[in-house]
Amino acid sequence: MVSTDFKPAWWLGSPHLQTLWPVLFKKRHALDLMSEQVELDDGDFIDLCWSKKDSEKTVLILHGLEGDINSHYINGIIHQLERAGCRPVLMHFRGCGGRINRLARAYHSGETGDLATIVEHIRKLTGNYPYAAIGYSLGGNVLLKWLGETSENNPLKKAVAVSVPFRLHDAAARLQLGVSKIYRQHLLRSLRQTYIKKFKKIKSPIDVDVKQLKSFWDYDDKVTAPLHGFDGAQDYYDSCSSRQYLGGISVPTRIIHSVDDPFMFETTVPTVGELSPEIDFLLTTGGGHVGFVSGASPLRPVYWCEDRTVEFISDN
């Protein structure tokens, strides 16, 4: 675990400013992508967005909760990876690609089966496994859990995980406090709207009024858990938190995290003893949640996390 030299931009001193600035003001790059619908064995589908760049070095990207191709961090890392000579491909979790998925189930923080399916799909399509994978927030939790589950059998050469909710219990509790409630309200509103829209088309297997669910614990206990086979929120959090899987990771993996992440507590950060020797943990004192904005001027911000991610993947 390494304390880095990252210095937050002078005009973005708080974790909330770091978190919100790129959402509101980060430049979006024009991307030339193509879409693919991957059919799954259970009758559902997953949407991929492929870069058209020709490269044998495919990098699979996983977005965060309710994220998609338009998320600021996805747009930025695709652009940077293309510049570095890689071919990025974004995996939309079920129902996040702009279309409602077919089944009652959706996605969650521990769903590694779909990730494994897409990794194998890429191998069959291109002739090679992805060189690397990058996961943000929820996607980072999924990635780290999968890396730990598969250990020495994992086919990746590199991995990067950013702003990971290592303990899902902590994230649910932290988002109930202070200014962090704004993120909870935004994300829960999106989840509730998605649920309502989906189950106007198909019958829901659970009886719940999602408009009455005011916390992540409530939503995960009443919706996420029963839809995905968990015995309530506690079982879901206990089973799917990635912190317990870190010691089993055999793929060289960089984790980028800030102690001031407003989605978590300082104590959410794993200890050195929990980390596999293959983990390069960059811990910053500032940076917020998927922020990490530095630079001398608001006119020329520097997205430090993107640089550290591409640097790690490009280093042979």
Protein backbone atom coordinates (compact mmCIF):
# COMPACT_ATOMS: atom_id res chain seq x y z
CA MET A 1 0.00 0.00 0.00
CA VAL A 2 1.57 3.24 -1.20
CA SER A 3 0.69 6.80 -0.20
CA THR A 4 0.85 8.77 -3.43
CA ASP A 5 1.91 12.27 -4.37
CA PHE A 6 -1.54 13.13 -5.71
CA LYS A 7 -2.58 16.69 -4.82
CA PRO A 8 -6.20 17.71 -5.34
CA ALA A 9 -6.73 20.78 -7.52
CA TRP A 10 -6.78 23.92 -5.37
CA TRP A 11 -10.33 24.75 -6.44
CA LEU A 12 -11.57 21.23 -5.58
CA GLY A 13 -10.42 20.83 -2.01
CA SER A 14 -13.38 18.88 -0.64
CA PRO A 15 -14.28 15.26 -1.47
CA HIS A 16 -17.69 16.36 -2.74
CA LEU A 17 -16.21 18.89 -5.16
CA GLN A 18 -13.77 16.22 -6.36
CA THR A 19 -16.68 13.82 -6.91
CA LEU A 20 -19.05 16.23 -8.62
CA TRP A 21 -16.68 18.32 -10.77
CA PRO A 22 -16.05 15.66 -13.45
CA VAL A 23 -19.74 14.75 -13.53
CA LEU A 24 -20.68 18.34 -14.32
CA PHE A 25 -17.67 19.83 -16.11
CA LYS A 26 -15.35 17.17 -17.48
CA LYS A 27 -14.86 17.34 -21.24
CA ARG A 28 -16.54 14.48 -23.11
CA HIS A 29 -14.60 13.07 -26.04
CA ALA A 30 -16.23 12.06 -29.30
CA LEU A 31 -15.92 8.27 -29.43
CA ASP A 32 -16.28 6.02 -32.46
CA LEU A 33 -17.84 2.86 -31.04
CA MET A 34 -19.91 -0.10 -32.16
CA SER A 35 -22.51 -1.97 -30.13
CA GLU A 36 -22.93 -5.69 -29.64
CA GLN A 37 -25.75 -7.60 -27.97
CA VAL A 38 -24.50 -10.75 -26.27
CA GLU A 39 -27.13 -13.42 -25.64
CA LEU A 40 -26.85 -15.20 -22.29
CA ASP A 41 -27.63 -18.83 -21.49
CA ASP A 42 -30.50 -17.85 -19.17
CA GLY A 43 -32.34 -16.01 -21.94
CA ASP A 44 -31.20 -12.50 -21.04
CA PHE A 45 -28.65 -10.29 -22.80
CA ILE A 46 -25.79 -7.89 -22.15
CA ASP A 47 -24.84 -4.87 -24.26
CA LEU A 48 -21.20 -4.20 -25.09
CA CYS A 49 -19.69 -1.04 -26.57
CA TRP A 50 -16.53 -1.75 -28.56
CA SER A 51 -13.87 0.68 -29.67
CA LYS A 52 -13.24 0.40 -33.40
CA LYS A 53 -9.51 0.74 -32.83
CA ASP A 54 -7.54 -2.23 -34.15
CA SER A 55 -5.42 -3.66 -31.34
CA GLU A 56 -4.68 -7.11 -29.90
CA LYS A 57 -4.65 -5.59 -26.42
CA THR A 58 -8.34 -5.62 -25.42
CA VAL A 59 -9.25 -3.93 -22.15
CA LEU A 60 -12.63 -4.72 -20.60
CA ILE A 61 -14.27 -1.89 -18.61
CA LEU A 62 -16.93 -2.21 -15.88
CA HIS A 63 -18.99 0.82 -14.85
CA GLY A 64 -20.41 1.73 -11.46
CA LEU A 65 -23.94 1.62 -10.05
CA GLU A 66 -26.40 2.90 -12.69
CA GLY A 67 -23.50 3.91 -14.92
CA ASP A 68 -23.23 3.50 -18.68
CA ILE A 69 -21.29 4.59 -21.76
CA ASN A 70 -22.08 8.24 -20.95
CA SER A 71 -20.50 8.21 -17.48
CA HIS A 72 -17.63 10.69 -17.30
CA TYR A 73 -15.07 8.12 -16.14
CA ILE A 74 -16.06 5.67 -18.90
CA ASN A 75 -15.76 8.28 -21.64
CA GLY A 76 -12.40 9.44 -20.32
CA ILE A 77 -10.76 6.04 -19.90
CA ILE A 78 -11.92 4.80 -23.32
CA HIS A 79 -10.31 7.87 -24.92
CA GLN A 80 -7.07 7.42 -22.99
CA LEU A 81 -6.85 3.69 -23.65
CA GLU A 82 -7.27 4.24 -27.38
CA ARG A 83 -4.45 6.78 -27.29
CA ALA A 84 -2.29 4.19 -25.53
CA GLY A 85 -2.84 1.64 -28.30
CA CYS A 86 -5.43 -0.52 -26.58
CA ARG A 87 -8.89 -1.58 -27.70
CA PRO A 88 -11.36 -0.83 -24.90
CA VAL A 89 -14.76 -2.51 -24.62
CA LEU A 90 -17.40 -1.50 -22.09
CA MET A 91 -19.61 -4.17 -20.56
CA HIS A 92 -22.97 -2.73 -19.57
CA PHE A 93 -24.42 -4.59 -16.62
CA ARG A 94 -27.87 -6.04 -17.28
CA GLY A 95 -30.38 -3.28 -17.99
CA CYS A 96 -27.78 -0.48 -18.10
CA GLY A 97 -27.28 -0.30 -21.86
CA GLY A 98 -30.35 1.84 -22.52
CA ARG A 99 -32.75 -1.09 -22.78
CA ILE A 100 -34.68 -3.04 -20.16
CA ASN A 101 -33.29 -6.54 -19.72
CA ARG A 102 -35.66 -9.46 -20.18
CA LEU A 103 -35.55 -11.19 -16.81
CA ALA A 104 -36.77 -10.08 -13.39
CA ARG A 105 -33.20 -10.11 -12.10
CA ALA A 106 -30.74 -7.33 -12.90
CA TYR A 107 -27.18 -6.84 -11.61
CA HIS A 108 -25.52 -6.39 -8.23
CA SER A 109 -22.15 -5.81 -6.56
CA GLY A 110 -21.20 -9.48 -6.48
CA GLU A 111 -22.39 -10.70 -9.90
CA THR A 112 -19.22 -12.27 -11.27
CA GLY A 113 -20.94 -14.84 -13.49
CA ASP A 114 -21.81 -12.29 -16.17
CA LEU A 115 -18.27 -10.92 -16.08
CA ALA A 116 -16.82 -14.40 -16.58
CA THR A 117 -19.24 -14.98 -19.48
CA ILE A 118 -18.17 -11.79 -21.25
CA VAL A 119 -14.47 -12.54 -20.74
CA GLU A 120 -15.00 -15.93 -22.42
CA HIS A 121 -17.08 -14.28 -25.16
CA ILE A 122 -14.21 -11.90 -25.93
CA ARG A 123 -11.81 -14.86 -26.17
CA LYS A 124 -14.08 -16.64 -28.65
CA LEU A 125 -14.64 -13.49 -30.68
CA THR A 126 -11.06 -12.20 -30.87
CA GLY A 127 -8.99 -15.32 -30.26
CA ASN A 128 -7.54 -13.91 -27.04
CA TYR A 129 -8.69 -13.22 -23.52
CA PRO A 130 -8.83 -9.53 -22.56
CA TYR A 131 -5.37 -8.29 -21.65
CA ALA A 132 -6.77 -6.31 -18.73
CA ALA A 133 -9.94 -5.17 -17.00
CA ILE A 134 -10.82 -1.92 -15.23
CA GLY A 135 -13.67 -1.57 -12.74
CA TYR A 136 -15.14 1.55 -11.17
CA SER A 137 -17.01 1.60 -7.86
CA LEU A 138 -19.58 -1.26 -8.02
CA GLY A 139 -17.78 -2.54 -11.12
CA GLY A 140 -14.53 -2.48 -9.19
CA ASN A 141 -16.09 -4.57 -6.43
CA VAL A 142 -17.30 -7.11 -9.00
CA LEU A 143 -13.84 -7.20 -10.61
CA LEU A 144 -11.91 -7.70 -7.35
CA LYS A 145 -14.32 -10.37 -6.16
CA TRP A 146 -13.92 -12.27 -9.44
CA LEU A 147 -10.13 -11.94 -9.33
CA GLY A 148 -10.11 -13.38 -5.81
CA GLU A 149 -12.56 -16.16 -6.63
CA THR A 150 -10.59 -17.35 -9.65
CA SER A 151 -7.12 -16.66 -8.21
CA GLU A 152 -4.39 -18.43 -10.23
CA ASN A 153 -6.90 -19.54 -12.88
CA ASN A 154 -7.76 -15.98 -13.88
CA PRO A 155 -6.83 -15.28 -17.54
CA LEU A 156 -6.13 -11.52 -17.25
CA LYS A 157 -2.64 -10.03 -17.32
CA LYS A 158 -3.54 -6.79 -15.49
CA ALA A 159 -6.43 -5.25 -13.56
CA VAL A 160 -7.30 -1.84 -12.11
CA ALA A 161 -10.06 -1.07 -9.60
CA VAL A 162 -11.06 2.48 -8.65
CA SER A 163 -13.06 3.78 -5.66
CA VAL A 164 -14.26 0.34 -4.63
CA PRO A 165 -16.86 -0.14 -1.85
CA PHE A 166 -14.78 -2.88 -0.19
CA ARG A 167 -17.43 -3.35 2.50
CA LEU A 168 -20.95 -2.92 1.18
CA HIS A 169 -22.32 -2.48 4.70
CA ASP A 170 -20.11 0.61 5.06
CA ALA A 171 -21.30 2.15 1.80
CA ALA A 172 -24.95 1.69 2.75
CA ALA A 173 -24.34 3.35 6.13
CA ARG A 174 -22.08 6.15 4.86
CA LEU A 175 -24.60 7.25 2.25
CA GLN A 176 -27.08 7.94 5.04
CA LEU A 177 -24.87 10.65 6.50
CA GLY A 178 -24.31 14.35 5.81
CA VAL A 179 -23.80 15.65 2.29
CA SER A 180 -23.40 12.06 1.05
CA LYS A 181 -27.20 11.80 1.15
CA ILE A 182 -27.28 13.58 -2.22
CA TYR A 183 -25.59 10.59 -3.87
CA ARG A 184 -27.97 8.20 -2.12
CA GLN A 185 -30.99 10.17 -3.31
CA HIS A 186 -29.74 10.33 -6.89
CA LEU A 187 -28.86 6.64 -7.14
CA LEU A 188 -31.97 5.39 -5.35
CA ARG A 189 -34.16 7.53 -7.58
CA SER A 190 -32.57 5.92 -10.63
CA LEU A 191 -32.95 2.41 -9.19
CA ARG A 192 -36.59 2.98 -8.29
CA GLN A 193 -37.38 4.36 -11.75
CA THR A 194 -35.69 1.40 -13.42
CA TYR A 195 -37.64 -1.05 -11.25
CA ILE A 196 -40.98 0.63 -11.98
CA LYS A 197 -40.29 0.86 -15.71
CA LYS A 198 -39.24 -2.79 -15.96
CA PHE A 199 -42.14 -4.24 -14.01
CA LYS A 200 -44.69 -2.40 -16.06
CA LYS A 201 -43.66 -4.80 -18.82
CA ILE A 202 -43.22 -8.02 -16.86
CA LYS A 203 -44.66 -9.32 -13.59
CA SER A 204 -42.49 -8.75 -10.53
CA PRO A 205 -41.81 -11.84 -8.39
CA ILE A 206 -41.75 -9.67 -5.25
CA ASP A 207 -44.39 -7.52 -3.59
CA VAL A 208 -42.82 -4.18 -2.72
CA ASP A 209 -43.54 -0.46 -3.12
CA VAL A 210 -40.12 0.83 -4.12
CA LYS A 211 -41.24 4.43 -3.62
CA GLN A 212 -41.22 3.73 0.12
CA LEU A 213 -37.60 2.52 0.19
CA LYS A 214 -35.48 5.40 1.48
CA SER A 215 -32.08 3.79 2.09
CA PHE A 216 -29.74 1.41 0.29
CA TRP A 217 -30.21 -1.10 3.08
CA ASP A 218 -33.98 -1.03 2.51
CA TYR A 219 -33.63 -1.33 -1.27
CA ASP A 220 -31.09 -4.13 -1.08
CA ASP A 221 -33.10 -5.95 1.58
CA LYS A 222 -36.44 -5.71 -0.24
CA VAL A 223 -35.34 -5.74 -3.90
CA THR A 224 -31.71 -6.66 -4.65
CA ALA A 225 -31.54 -9.61 -2.25
CA PRO A 226 -34.79 -11.41 -3.14
CA LEU A 227 -34.34 -10.86 -6.89
CA HIS A 228 -30.87 -12.43 -6.79
CA GLY A 229 -31.22 -15.25 -4.28
CA PHE A 230 -29.87 -13.68 -1.10
CA ASP A 231 -31.47 -13.96 2.33
CA GLY A 232 -31.78 -10.22 2.89
CA ALA A 233 -29.37 -7.28 2.75
CA GLN A 234 -27.04 -8.66 5.42
CA ASP A 235 -26.51 -11.89 3.49
CA TYR A 236 -25.98 -9.94 0.28
CA TYR A 237 -23.43 -7.60 1.83
CA ASP A 238 -21.60 -10.40 3.65
CA SER A 239 -21.37 -12.53 0.51
CA CYS A 240 -20.46 -9.87 -2.03
CA SER A 241 -18.12 -7.40 -0.31
CA SER A 242 -14.78 -7.63 -2.14
CA ARG A 243 -12.55 -6.95 0.87
CA GLN A 244 -12.59 -10.63 1.89
CA TYR A 245 -11.35 -11.69 -1.58
CA LEU A 246 -8.29 -9.44 -1.84
CA GLY A 247 -5.83 -11.95 -0.42
CA GLY A 248 -6.57 -14.47 -3.17
CA ILE A 249 -5.78 -12.21 -6.13
CA SER A 250 -3.00 -13.55 -8.37
CA VAL A 251 -3.26 -11.06 -11.26
CA PRO A 252 -1.13 -7.88 -10.96
CA THR A 253 -3.77 -5.39 -9.81
CA ARG A 254 -3.67 -1.68 -9.09
CA ILE A 255 -6.27 -0.30 -6.68
CA ILE A 256 -6.80 3.47 -6.54
CA HIS A 257 -8.68 4.81 -3.54
CA SER A 258 -9.04 7.97 -1.48
CA VAL A 259 -9.50 7.97 2.29
CA ASP A 260 -11.96 10.86 1.92
CA ASP A 261 -14.27 8.96 -0.46
CA PRO A 262 -17.77 10.21 0.51
CA PHE A 263 -19.27 6.80 -0.32
CA MET A 264 -17.27 5.10 2.44
CA PHE A 265 -15.60 5.46 5.83
CA GLU A 266 -11.84 5.70 6.37
CA THR A 267 -12.05 2.30 8.06
CA THR A 268 -13.48 0.79 4.87
CA VAL A 269 -9.94 0.72 3.45
CA PRO A 270 -8.41 -2.76 3.80
CA THR A 271 -5.30 -3.30 5.88
CA VAL A 272 -1.94 -4.19 4.34
CA GLY A 273 -2.26 -7.69 5.76
CA GLU A 274 -5.42 -8.30 3.74
CA LEU A 275 -3.75 -7.55 0.42
CA SER A 276 -2.29 -10.08 -1.98
CA PRO A 277 1.36 -9.44 -2.90
CA GLU A 278 0.10 -8.81 -6.45
CA ILE A 279 -1.87 -5.72 -5.39
CA ASP A 280 -0.41 -2.26 -5.93
CA PHE A 281 -2.62 -0.11 -3.69
CA LEU A 282 -2.43 3.65 -4.34
CA LEU A 283 -4.04 5.39 -1.37
CA THR A 284 -4.60 9.15 -1.55
CA THR A 285 -5.67 11.59 1.15
CA GLY A 286 -7.99 13.43 -1.26
CA GLY A 287 -9.82 12.66 -4.47
CA GLY A 288 -13.39 11.87 -3.51
CA HIS A 289 -15.28 9.14 -5.36
CA VAL A 290 -13.93 8.51 -8.88
CA GLY A 291 -12.66 12.08 -8.89
CA PHE A 292 -8.89 12.51 -8.44
CA VAL A 293 -8.74 15.87 -10.22
CA SER A 294 -5.49 17.85 -10.01
CA GLY A 295 -3.96 20.67 -12.05
CA ALA A 296 -3.12 24.34 -11.71
CA SER A 297 -6.18 25.78 -13.44
CA PRO A 298 -9.88 24.92 -13.92
CA LEU A 299 -9.22 25.47 -17.62
CA ARG A 300 -6.69 22.64 -17.69
CA PRO A 301 -7.69 20.01 -15.15
CA VAL A 302 -5.61 16.85 -14.87
CA TYR A 303 -7.40 13.55 -14.35
CA TRP A 304 -4.74 11.80 -12.32
CA CYS A 305 -6.59 8.50 -11.98
CA GLU A 306 -6.78 8.01 -15.74
CA ASP A 307 -3.04 8.58 -16.03
CA ARG A 308 -2.24 6.08 -13.26
CA THR A 309 -4.61 3.52 -14.78
CA VAL A 310 -3.22 3.67 -18.31
CA GLU A 311 0.34 3.81 -16.96
CA PHE A 312 -0.18 0.54 -15.08
CA ILE A 313 -1.83 -1.28 -17.99
CA SER A 314 0.73 -0.06 -20.51
CA ASP A 315 3.75 -1.02 -18.39
CA ASN A 316 5.00 -4.41 -19.55
